[in-house]
Amino acid sequence: MTAKYQPGNPPERELRTWLADELRRISNALGVFEFAQLTPIDVEPQKPHKAMVVWAVGVNWNPGAGEGLYVYNQAGTWDKVN
């Protein structure tokens, strides 16, 4: 799995080399993933949006059916993925 892209500071010289390196880092960050790993959460996201996917622990925040994978739907509720 690739790392999240964090922009670097442009140098005063050799801008062409720096830019090529930054574009390569962006490409790596956006590369094809073989898998996705979710961090389990125990509080509802502050700003959920349609199609957001989370792994809920189901203790302090239970979106409906205990621990598991949930998708936020257009109606504004969480659907457990079975």
C-alpha atoms as a PDB file:
ATOM      1  CA  MET A   1       0.000   0.000   0.000  1.00  0.00           C
ATOM      2  CA  THR A   2       1.346   3.432  -0.846  1.00  0.00           C
ATOM      3  CA  ALA A   3       1.675   6.339   1.549  1.00  0.00           C
ATOM      4  CA  LYS A   4      -0.502   9.426   1.549  1.00  0.00           C
ATOM      5  CA  TYR A   5       1.018  12.253  -0.504  1.00  0.00           C
ATOM      6  CA  GLN A   6       2.402  15.178   1.457  1.00  0.00           C
ATOM      7  CA  PRO A   7       3.619  18.074  -0.710  1.00  0.00           C
ATOM      8  CA  GLY A   8       7.237  19.118  -0.341  1.00  0.00           C
ATOM      9  CA  ASN A   9       8.640  22.639  -0.315  1.00  0.00           C
ATOM     10  CA  PRO A  10       9.934  23.787  -3.704  1.00  0.00           C
ATOM     11  CA  PRO A  11      13.621  24.620  -3.790  1.00  0.00           C
ATOM     12  CA  GLU A  12      15.039  27.903  -5.018  1.00  0.00           C
ATOM     13  CA  ARG A  13      17.147  26.030  -7.594  1.00  0.00           C
ATOM     14  CA  GLU A  14      16.729  22.880  -9.687  1.00  0.00           C
ATOM     15  CA  LEU A  15      12.969  23.316  -9.907  1.00  0.00           C
ATOM     16  CA  ARG A  16      12.702  20.897 -12.855  1.00  0.00           C
ATOM     17  CA  THR A  17      14.184  17.981 -10.862  1.00  0.00           C
ATOM     18  CA  TRP A  18      12.066  18.798  -7.809  1.00  0.00           C
ATOM     19  CA  LEU A  19       8.889  18.963  -9.909  1.00  0.00           C
ATOM     20  CA  ALA A  20       9.633  15.610 -11.571  1.00  0.00           C
ATOM     21  CA  ASP A  21      10.172  14.048  -8.127  1.00  0.00           C
ATOM     22  CA  GLU A  22       6.924  15.546  -6.786  1.00  0.00           C
ATOM     23  CA  LEU A  23       4.941  14.252  -9.766  1.00  0.00           C
ATOM     24  CA  ARG A  24       6.452  10.793  -9.248  1.00  0.00           C
ATOM     25  CA  ARG A  25       5.455  10.909  -5.557  1.00  0.00           C
ATOM     26  CA  ILE A  26       1.893  11.922  -6.505  1.00  0.00           C
ATOM     27  CA  SER A  27       1.712   9.075  -9.013  1.00  0.00           C
ATOM     28  CA  ASN A  28       2.870   6.606  -6.367  1.00  0.00           C
ATOM     29  CA  ALA A  29       0.311   7.920  -3.871  1.00  0.00           C
ATOM     30  CA  LEU A  30      -2.489   7.515  -6.423  1.00  0.00           C
ATOM     31  CA  GLY A  31      -1.304   4.113  -7.609  1.00  0.00           C
ATOM     32  CA  VAL A  32      -3.433   1.010  -7.782  1.00  0.00           C
ATOM     33  CA  PHE A  33      -4.058  -0.580  -4.402  1.00  0.00           C
ATOM     34  CA  GLU A  34      -4.158  -4.333  -3.917  1.00  0.00           C
ATOM     35  CA  PHE A  35      -6.225  -3.835  -0.758  1.00  0.00           C
ATOM     36  CA  ALA A  36      -7.665  -1.161   1.486  1.00  0.00           C
ATOM     37  CA  GLN A  37      -7.104  -1.068   5.220  1.00  0.00           C
ATOM     38  CA  LEU A  38      -9.549   0.881   7.365  1.00  0.00           C
ATOM     39  CA  THR A  39      -8.758   2.177  10.820  1.00  0.00           C
ATOM     40  CA  PRO A  40     -11.536   1.054  13.200  1.00  0.00           C
ATOM     41  CA  ILE A  41     -13.368   4.062  14.657  1.00  0.00           C
ATOM     42  CA  ASP A  42     -15.480   4.394  17.775  1.00  0.00           C
ATOM     43  CA  VAL A  43     -17.016   7.826  17.101  1.00  0.00           C
ATOM     44  CA  GLU A  44     -19.173   8.883  14.175  1.00  0.00           C
ATOM     45  CA  PRO A  45     -17.344  11.008  11.591  1.00  0.00           C
ATOM     46  CA  GLN A  46     -18.130  14.704  12.079  1.00  0.00           C
ATOM     47  CA  LYS A  47     -19.048  15.282   8.437  1.00  0.00           C
ATOM     48  CA  PRO A  48     -20.231  12.003   6.901  1.00  0.00           C
ATOM     49  CA  HIS A  49     -20.919  12.110   3.184  1.00  0.00           C
ATOM     50  CA  LYS A  50     -22.662   9.855   0.682  1.00  0.00           C
ATOM     51  CA  ALA A  51     -20.693   6.645  -0.028  1.00  0.00           C
ATOM     52  CA  MET A  52     -18.299   7.108   2.931  1.00  0.00           C
ATOM     53  CA  VAL A  53     -17.090   3.707   4.148  1.00  0.00           C
ATOM     54  CA  VAL A  54     -16.008   3.072   7.763  1.00  0.00           C
ATOM     55  CA  TRP A  55     -15.258   0.190  10.102  1.00  0.00           C
ATOM     56  CA  ALA A  56     -17.263   0.905  13.271  1.00  0.00           C
ATOM     57  CA  VAL A  57     -16.103  -0.682  16.521  1.00  0.00           C
ATOM     58  CA  GLY A  58     -19.687  -0.586  17.776  1.00  0.00           C
ATOM     59  CA  VAL A  59     -18.997   0.323  21.424  1.00  0.00           C
ATOM     60  CA  ASN A  60     -19.154   4.114  21.993  1.00  0.00           C
ATOM     61  CA  TRP A  61     -20.699   4.596  18.545  1.00  0.00           C
ATOM     62  CA  ASN A  62     -22.938   1.881  17.164  1.00  0.00           C
ATOM     63  CA  PRO A  63     -24.328   2.851  13.746  1.00  0.00           C
ATOM     64  CA  GLY A  64     -27.004   0.190  13.935  1.00  0.00           C
ATOM     65  CA  ALA A  65     -25.880  -3.426  14.047  1.00  0.00           C
ATOM     66  CA  GLY A  66     -22.712  -3.545  16.147  1.00  0.00           C
ATOM     67  CA  GLU A  67     -19.152  -3.839  14.927  1.00  0.00           C
ATOM     68  CA  GLY A  68     -18.602  -3.993  11.196  1.00  0.00           C
ATOM     69  CA  LEU A  69     -18.289  -2.314   7.831  1.00  0.00           C
ATOM     70  CA  TYR A  70     -20.791   0.493   7.141  1.00  0.00           C
ATOM     71  CA  VAL A  71     -21.600   2.753   4.180  1.00  0.00           C
ATOM     72  CA  TYR A  72     -23.229   6.164   4.580  1.00  0.00           C
ATOM     73  CA  ASN A  73     -26.226   6.411   2.257  1.00  0.00           C
ATOM     74  CA  GLN A  74     -28.116   9.199   0.535  1.00  0.00           C
ATOM     75  CA  ALA A  75     -30.863   9.128   3.197  1.00  0.00           C
ATOM     76  CA  GLY A  76     -28.312  10.117   5.852  1.00  0.00           C
ATOM     77  CA  THR A  77     -28.053   6.774   7.645  1.00  0.00           C
ATOM     78  CA  TRP A  78     -25.400   4.082   7.932  1.00  0.00           C
ATOM     79  CA  ASP A  79     -25.976   0.721   6.216  1.00  0.00           C
ATOM     80  CA  LYS A  80     -24.064  -2.312   7.446  1.00  0.00           C
ATOM     81  CA  VAL A  81     -22.355  -4.283   4.681  1.00  0.00           C
ATOM     82  CA  ASN A  82     -23.034  -7.986   5.154  1.00  0.00           C
END
